C-alpha atoms as a PDB file:
ATOM      1  CA  MET A   1     -23.707  94.715 -50.946  1.00  0.00           C
ATOM      2  CA  THR A   2     -27.016  95.912 -52.291  1.00  0.00           C
ATOM      3  CA  ARG A   3     -30.392  95.254 -50.759  1.00  0.00           C
ATOM      4  CA  ALA A   4     -31.343  93.254 -53.872  1.00  0.00           C
ATOM      5  CA  ARG A   5     -28.299  90.987 -53.493  1.00  0.00           C
ATOM      6  CA  ILE A   6     -29.071  90.371 -49.812  1.00  0.00           C
ATOM      7  CA  THR A   7     -32.619  89.414 -50.855  1.00  0.00           C
ATOM      8  CA  GLN A   8     -31.262  86.975 -53.452  1.00  0.00           C
ATOM      9  CA  ILE A   9     -29.046  85.306 -50.867  1.00  0.00           C
ATOM     10  CA  MET A  10     -31.752  85.167 -48.198  1.00  0.00           C
ATOM     11  CA  ASN A  11     -34.218  83.663 -50.669  1.00  0.00           C
ATOM     12  CA  LEU A  12     -31.938  80.615 -50.912  1.00  0.00           C
ATOM     13  CA  LEU A  13     -33.386  79.716 -47.500  1.00  0.00           C
ATOM     14  CA  HIS A  14     -36.617  78.896 -49.367  1.00  0.00           C
ATOM     15  CA  LEU A  15     -34.942  75.870 -50.946  1.00  0.00           C
ATOM     16  CA  ALA A  16     -36.146  72.487 -49.724  1.00  0.00           C
ATOM     17  CA  ALA A  17     -34.090  71.259 -46.766  1.00  0.00           C
ATOM     18  CA  PRO A  18     -32.656  68.243 -48.669  1.00  0.00           C
ATOM     19  CA  ILE A  19     -31.399  70.582 -51.401  1.00  0.00           C
ATOM     20  CA  GLN A  20     -29.775  72.871 -48.837  1.00  0.00           C
ATOM     21  CA  GLU A  21     -28.131  69.871 -47.176  1.00  0.00           C
ATOM     22  CA  GLU A  22     -26.777  68.604 -50.471  1.00  0.00           C
ATOM     23  CA  ILE A  23     -25.326  72.004 -51.339  1.00  0.00           C
ATOM     24  CA  LEU A  24     -23.611  72.172 -47.950  1.00  0.00           C
ATOM     25  CA  HIS A  25     -21.906  68.845 -48.719  1.00  0.00           C
ATOM     26  CA  TRP A  26     -20.550  69.881 -52.119  1.00  0.00           C
ATOM     27  CA  PRO A  27     -16.779  69.535 -52.198  1.00  0.00           C
ATOM     28  CA  ALA A  28     -14.790  72.728 -52.497  1.00  0.00           C
ATOM     29  CA  ALA A  29     -14.270  73.232 -56.206  1.00  0.00           C
ATOM     30  CA  LYS A  30     -13.536  75.961 -58.684  1.00  0.00           C
ATOM     31  CA  ARG A  31     -17.068  75.662 -60.051  1.00  0.00           C
ATOM     32  CA  ASP A  32     -20.281  74.577 -58.323  1.00  0.00           C
ATOM     33  CA  PRO A  33     -22.204  71.728 -59.991  1.00  0.00           C
ATOM     34  CA  VAL A  34     -25.353  73.900 -60.278  1.00  0.00           C
ATOM     35  CA  SER A  35     -25.354  77.648 -60.863  1.00  0.00           C
ATOM     36  CA  GLU A  36     -26.672  80.093 -58.313  1.00  0.00           C
ATOM     37  CA  ARG A  37     -29.047  81.397 -60.976  1.00  0.00           C
ATOM     38  CA  ALA A  38     -30.610  77.920 -61.292  1.00  0.00           C
ATOM     39  CA  LEU A  39     -30.915  77.726 -57.506  1.00  0.00           C
ATOM     40  CA  ARG A  40     -32.630  81.115 -57.383  1.00  0.00           C
ATOM     41  CA  ARG A  41     -35.191  79.863 -59.916  1.00  0.00           C
ATOM     42  CA  LEU A  42     -35.954  76.925 -57.630  1.00  0.00           C
ATOM     43  CA  THR A  43     -36.623  79.275 -54.700  1.00  0.00           C
ATOM     44  CA  GLN A  44     -39.598  80.708 -56.592  1.00  0.00           C
ATOM     45  CA  ILE A  45     -41.390  77.345 -56.396  1.00  0.00           C
ATOM     46  CA  PRO A  46     -43.243  77.026 -53.078  1.00  0.00           C
ATOM     47  CA  SER A  47     -43.680  73.231 -53.225  1.00  0.00           C
ATOM     48  CA  TRP A  48     -40.661  71.361 -51.841  1.00  0.00           C
ATOM     49  CA  SER A  49     -41.678  68.222 -53.724  1.00  0.00           C
ATOM     50  CA  LYS A  50     -41.698  70.150 -57.014  1.00  0.00           C
ATOM     51  CA  GLN A  51     -38.358  71.744 -56.110  1.00  0.00           C
ATOM     52  CA  LEU A  52     -36.876  68.293 -55.482  1.00  0.00           C
ATOM     53  CA  GLU A  53     -38.251  66.993 -58.785  1.00  0.00           C
ATOM     54  CA  LEU A  54     -36.644  69.864 -60.700  1.00  0.00           C
ATOM     55  CA  TRP A  55     -33.460  69.541 -58.628  1.00  0.00           C
ATOM     56  CA  ARG A  56     -33.090  65.919 -59.721  1.00  0.00           C
ATOM     57  CA  GLN A  57     -33.409  67.075 -63.329  1.00  0.00           C
ATOM     58  CA  LEU A  58     -30.613  69.613 -62.824  1.00  0.00           C
ATOM     59  CA  LEU A  59     -28.246  67.085 -61.260  1.00  0.00           C
ATOM     60  CA  PRO A  60     -27.742  64.661 -64.177  1.00  0.00           C
ATOM     61  CA  ALA A  61     -26.064  67.390 -66.211  1.00  0.00           C
ATOM     62  CA  ALA A  62     -24.088  68.527 -63.178  1.00  0.00           C
ATOM     63  CA  ASN A  63     -22.986  64.999 -62.164  1.00  0.00           C
ATOM     64  CA  GLY A  64     -21.785  63.846 -65.552  1.00  0.00           C
ATOM     65  CA  ALA A  65     -25.181  62.435 -66.585  1.00  0.00           C
ATOM     66  CA  THR A  66     -25.251  59.882 -63.741  1.00  0.00           C
ATOM     67  CA  GLY A  67     -28.266  61.473 -62.093  1.00  0.00           C
ATOM     68  CA  LYS A  68     -26.897  60.265 -58.767  1.00  0.00           C
ATOM     69  CA  PRO A  69     -27.520  62.829 -55.996  1.00  0.00           C
ATOM     70  CA  LEU A  70     -24.682  63.662 -53.660  1.00  0.00           C
ATOM     71  CA  VAL A  71     -26.944  63.159 -50.603  1.00  0.00           C
ATOM     72  CA  PRO A  72     -29.549  60.348 -50.545  1.00  0.00           C
ATOM     73  CA  ASP A  73     -33.181  61.350 -50.997  1.00  0.00           C
ATOM     74  CA  ARG A  74     -35.172  61.358 -47.761  1.00  0.00           C
ATOM     75  CA  ALA A  75     -38.632  61.654 -49.291  1.00  0.00           C
END
């Protein structure tokens, strides 16, 4: 594994805690509801509230347009 890849993976720790929790509760599937690339973009946003806002926008497409998060919002 390259140093750059390790950095990408470690940067996922910058995701808001509720996002991390939701990802941990995703069912095992062939394809994740949200791409890793999209998650890496979220890590560049320092504000957890802004991350959560953008996360909710990503989920409707991932959840069949229901917009229903897999883990309830704790905000």
